Amino acid sequence: PAALDELLLRHYSAIREPRKRAMDLSGGVRFAWDRALTWAIGWSMLESSSKHGNFRWSGPLTESSLDLALPFLSAHANNQTWKVQFKIMAVLAPDVLQSLQLKIDGRQVPLTWARGPDWSYLFNGSFLRETALREAIIHIEFKVNRTLSPGSSGTGNTDERQLGIALNWIEFMPMPDQESVGLCLRQSPRIPRP
């Protein structure tokens, strides 16, 4: 029985430790279409890729939004600067990527981006969270200049959905004061051409 108790304790600790690390507020949180949303408008059905995991295409409208319940936000002080990072797996035309805009809680977030090692697009920005401590819902809006159908590409694809960006995940992380000032100063309001 003592050996069994020791094995169960080790097993429980092994399961619990990753969960404790995932809830560490200093590391932020990632949303990868793997939990319930408070609200979502302008997104296609959930799809999955063996390489990237879950994702959704924006569309058919040019504006798509998410309301995420993120309780960790309420654990941080007002006027906290946050880093936002998100991964776009694909777009159907370069001008759609070029036109991408992000608003958080109604405020424009300047973005920078780089190509990922898997040819995805990794976007970064920062924003000041000025809401009351009790507010744990964050409103996220993505906007592109147009949506288009894969079926209109002339490649034989029969998908007639109007699509914008394929969003894989979005991540929020609190920033130390010194880092947030530097990042805000380095950001450009324009996204460079792909």
Protein backbone atom coordinates (compact mmCIF):
# COMPACT_ATOMS: atom_id res chain seq x y z
CA PRO A 1 0.00 0.00 0.00
CA ALA A 2 2.81 2.49 0.76
CA ALA A 3 4.34 1.91 -2.67
CA LEU A 4 0.94 2.35 -4.30
CA ASP A 5 0.39 5.59 -2.36
CA GLU A 6 3.80 6.84 -3.52
CA LEU A 7 3.00 5.98 -7.17
CA LEU A 8 -0.38 7.69 -6.98
CA LEU A 9 1.19 10.77 -5.42
CA ARG A 10 3.82 10.93 -8.20
CA HIS A 11 1.13 10.45 -10.85
CA TYR A 12 -1.05 13.18 -9.35
CA SER A 13 1.93 15.55 -9.12
CA ALA A 14 2.91 14.85 -12.73
CA ILE A 15 -0.61 15.70 -13.91
CA ARG A 16 -1.03 18.72 -11.67
CA GLU A 17 2.35 20.42 -12.34
CA PRO A 18 1.68 21.29 -16.03
CA ARG A 19 -1.73 22.68 -15.01
CA LYS A 20 -0.12 24.84 -12.33
CA ARG A 21 2.39 26.15 -14.90
CA ALA A 22 -0.46 26.84 -17.36
CA MET A 23 -2.21 28.96 -14.71
CA ASP A 24 0.94 30.96 -13.92
CA LEU A 25 -0.24 34.51 -14.62
CA SER A 26 3.26 35.80 -15.39
CA GLY A 27 3.35 33.59 -18.48
CA GLY A 28 0.02 34.78 -19.87
CA VAL A 29 -2.52 32.60 -21.58
CA ARG A 30 -3.06 31.23 -25.09
CA PHE A 31 -6.42 30.70 -26.76
CA ALA A 32 -6.26 28.10 -29.53
CA TRP A 33 -9.97 27.48 -30.22
CA ASP A 34 -9.76 24.88 -27.45
CA ARG A 35 -12.22 26.39 -24.97
CA ALA A 36 -15.67 27.92 -24.96
CA LEU A 37 -16.05 31.49 -26.17
CA THR A 38 -18.18 34.14 -24.54
CA TRP A 39 -19.02 35.48 -28.01
CA ALA A 40 -17.74 35.08 -31.59
CA ILE A 41 -18.99 36.68 -34.80
CA GLY A 42 -17.65 36.30 -38.33
CA TRP A 43 -15.82 32.97 -38.07
CA SER A 44 -16.20 29.74 -40.03
CA MET A 45 -16.60 26.30 -38.50
CA LEU A 46 -13.73 24.87 -36.47
CA GLU A 47 -11.14 23.06 -38.58
CA SER A 48 -8.05 21.14 -37.57
CA SER A 49 -4.63 20.61 -39.11
CA SER A 50 -2.24 17.83 -38.09
CA LYS A 51 0.60 20.38 -38.33
CA HIS A 52 -1.01 23.41 -36.63
CA GLY A 53 -3.94 22.15 -34.56
CA ASN A 54 -7.30 23.94 -34.38
CA PHE A 55 -8.04 27.02 -36.48
CA ARG A 56 -10.91 29.03 -37.92
CA TRP A 57 -11.15 31.19 -41.02
CA SER A 58 -12.55 34.67 -40.64
CA GLY A 59 -15.44 35.51 -42.95
CA PRO A 60 -17.73 35.89 -44.75
CA LEU A 61 -17.64 39.45 -43.38
CA THR A 62 -14.49 41.56 -43.36
CA GLU A 63 -14.81 42.07 -39.59
CA SER A 64 -14.60 39.18 -37.14
CA SER A 65 -14.62 39.38 -33.37
CA LEU A 66 -14.15 37.29 -30.23
CA ASP A 67 -15.05 37.94 -26.63
CA LEU A 68 -12.84 35.87 -24.38
CA ALA A 69 -13.41 35.38 -20.68
CA LEU A 70 -9.90 35.61 -19.27
CA PRO A 71 -10.13 35.61 -15.47
CA PHE A 72 -6.40 36.23 -15.11
CA LEU A 73 -6.91 39.78 -16.41
CA SER A 74 -8.78 40.70 -13.27
CA ALA A 75 -5.84 39.55 -11.16
CA HIS A 76 -3.64 42.32 -12.56
CA ALA A 77 -3.73 46.01 -11.80
CA ASN A 78 -5.47 48.59 -13.96
CA ASN A 79 -3.35 50.33 -16.58
CA GLN A 80 -1.30 47.19 -17.16
CA THR A 81 0.45 46.88 -20.53
CA TRP A 82 -0.12 43.54 -22.24
CA LYS A 83 1.62 41.84 -25.13
CA VAL A 84 -0.63 40.18 -27.69
CA GLN A 85 0.69 37.63 -30.16
CA PHE A 86 -1.27 35.61 -32.68
CA LYS A 87 -0.63 33.14 -35.48
CA ILE A 88 -2.22 33.35 -38.90
CA MET A 89 -1.82 30.06 -40.74
CA ALA A 90 -2.88 31.29 -44.17
CA VAL A 91 -4.45 34.02 -46.27
CA LEU A 92 -5.72 33.72 -49.83
CA ALA A 93 -4.16 36.97 -51.10
CA PRO A 94 -1.26 39.17 -49.93
CA ASP A 95 -3.41 42.32 -49.78
CA VAL A 96 -5.66 40.65 -47.18
CA LEU A 97 -2.66 40.14 -44.91
CA GLN A 98 -1.42 43.67 -45.60
CA SER A 99 -4.79 45.14 -44.60
CA LEU A 100 -5.13 43.23 -41.32
CA GLN A 101 -6.05 45.41 -38.34
CA LEU A 102 -6.52 44.42 -34.70
CA LYS A 103 -8.61 46.20 -32.07
CA ILE A 104 -8.76 45.19 -28.43
CA ASP A 105 -11.58 46.62 -26.34
CA GLY A 106 -12.26 49.09 -29.19
CA ARG A 107 -8.71 50.44 -29.44
CA GLN A 108 -6.44 49.97 -32.44
CA VAL A 109 -3.34 47.85 -31.68
CA PRO A 110 -0.25 48.61 -33.80
CA LEU A 111 1.17 45.35 -35.16
CA THR A 112 4.47 43.96 -36.34
CA TRP A 113 4.85 40.55 -37.93
CA ALA A 114 7.36 37.96 -39.09
CA ARG A 115 7.17 34.71 -41.01
CA GLY A 116 7.18 31.64 -38.80
CA PRO A 117 9.41 28.64 -39.51
CA ASP A 118 6.33 26.84 -40.87
CA TRP A 119 5.51 29.74 -43.25
CA SER A 120 2.77 31.01 -41.00
CA TYR A 121 2.56 34.66 -39.93
CA LEU A 122 3.31 35.61 -36.31
CA PHE A 123 1.87 39.00 -35.31
CA ASN A 124 2.86 40.99 -32.20
CA GLY A 125 1.49 44.08 -30.54
CA SER A 126 0.90 45.62 -27.14
CA PHE A 127 -2.01 47.39 -25.53
CA LEU A 128 -2.85 49.12 -22.30
CA ARG A 129 -5.64 47.43 -20.35
CA GLU A 130 -7.53 50.24 -18.58
CA THR A 131 -10.69 48.46 -17.47
CA ALA A 132 -11.89 47.90 -13.95
CA LEU A 133 -10.47 44.99 -11.98
CA ARG A 134 -13.76 43.12 -12.13
CA GLU A 135 -13.69 43.06 -15.95
CA ALA A 136 -12.33 39.72 -17.13
CA ILE A 137 -13.75 39.72 -20.68
CA ILE A 138 -11.64 41.05 -23.50
CA HIS A 139 -13.18 42.05 -26.86
CA ILE A 140 -10.95 41.30 -29.87
CA GLU A 141 -11.71 42.50 -33.42
CA PHE A 142 -9.92 41.52 -36.62
CA LYS A 143 -10.56 43.48 -39.81
CA VAL A 144 -9.37 42.84 -43.38
CA ASN A 145 -10.01 44.70 -46.61
CA ARG A 146 -11.87 41.82 -48.29
CA THR A 147 -12.75 38.16 -48.15
CA LEU A 148 -12.52 35.84 -51.11
CA SER A 149 -13.46 32.33 -52.10
CA PRO A 150 -10.87 29.59 -52.62
CA GLY A 151 -13.13 28.46 -55.47
CA SER A 152 -12.44 31.69 -57.35
CA SER A 153 -8.69 31.01 -57.55
CA GLY A 154 -8.89 28.94 -60.74
CA THR A 155 -7.11 26.01 -59.09
CA GLY A 156 -10.10 23.69 -59.19
CA ASN A 157 -10.92 24.22 -55.52
CA THR A 158 -14.69 23.99 -55.05
CA ASP A 159 -14.83 25.78 -51.67
CA GLU A 160 -17.16 28.77 -52.17
CA ARG A 161 -16.86 30.21 -48.64
CA GLN A 162 -15.75 33.85 -48.41
CA LEU A 163 -12.58 33.73 -46.28
CA GLY A 164 -10.15 36.24 -44.79
CA ILE A 165 -7.48 34.95 -42.36
CA ALA A 166 -6.97 31.49 -40.83
CA LEU A 167 -6.43 32.22 -37.11
CA ASN A 168 -4.61 29.43 -35.27
CA TRP A 169 -4.16 30.98 -31.80
CA ILE A 170 -3.93 34.23 -29.88
CA GLU A 171 -1.91 34.79 -26.71
CA PHE A 172 -1.91 37.48 -24.00
CA MET A 173 0.96 38.14 -21.62
CA PRO A 174 1.49 40.89 -19.00
CA MET A 175 4.62 42.93 -19.66
CA PRO A 176 7.08 44.35 -17.14
CA ASP A 177 7.04 48.16 -17.15
CA GLN A 178 10.47 48.60 -18.77
CA GLU A 179 9.74 46.11 -21.57
CA SER A 180 6.32 47.60 -22.32
CA VAL A 181 7.71 51.11 -22.81
CA GLY A 182 10.37 49.83 -25.23
CA LEU A 183 7.93 47.71 -27.22
CA CYS A 184 5.40 50.53 -27.55
CA LEU A 185 8.14 52.83 -28.86
CA ARG A 186 9.42 50.25 -31.38
CA GLN A 187 6.04 49.36 -32.86
CA SER A 188 5.07 50.63 -36.25
CA PRO A 189 1.41 51.33 -37.09
CA ARG A 190 1.97 49.88 -40.58
CA ILE A 191 2.42 46.21 -41.34
CA PRO A 192 5.29 45.59 -43.77
CA ARG A 193 4.46 43.88 -47.05
CA PRO A 194 4.77 40.05 -47.05
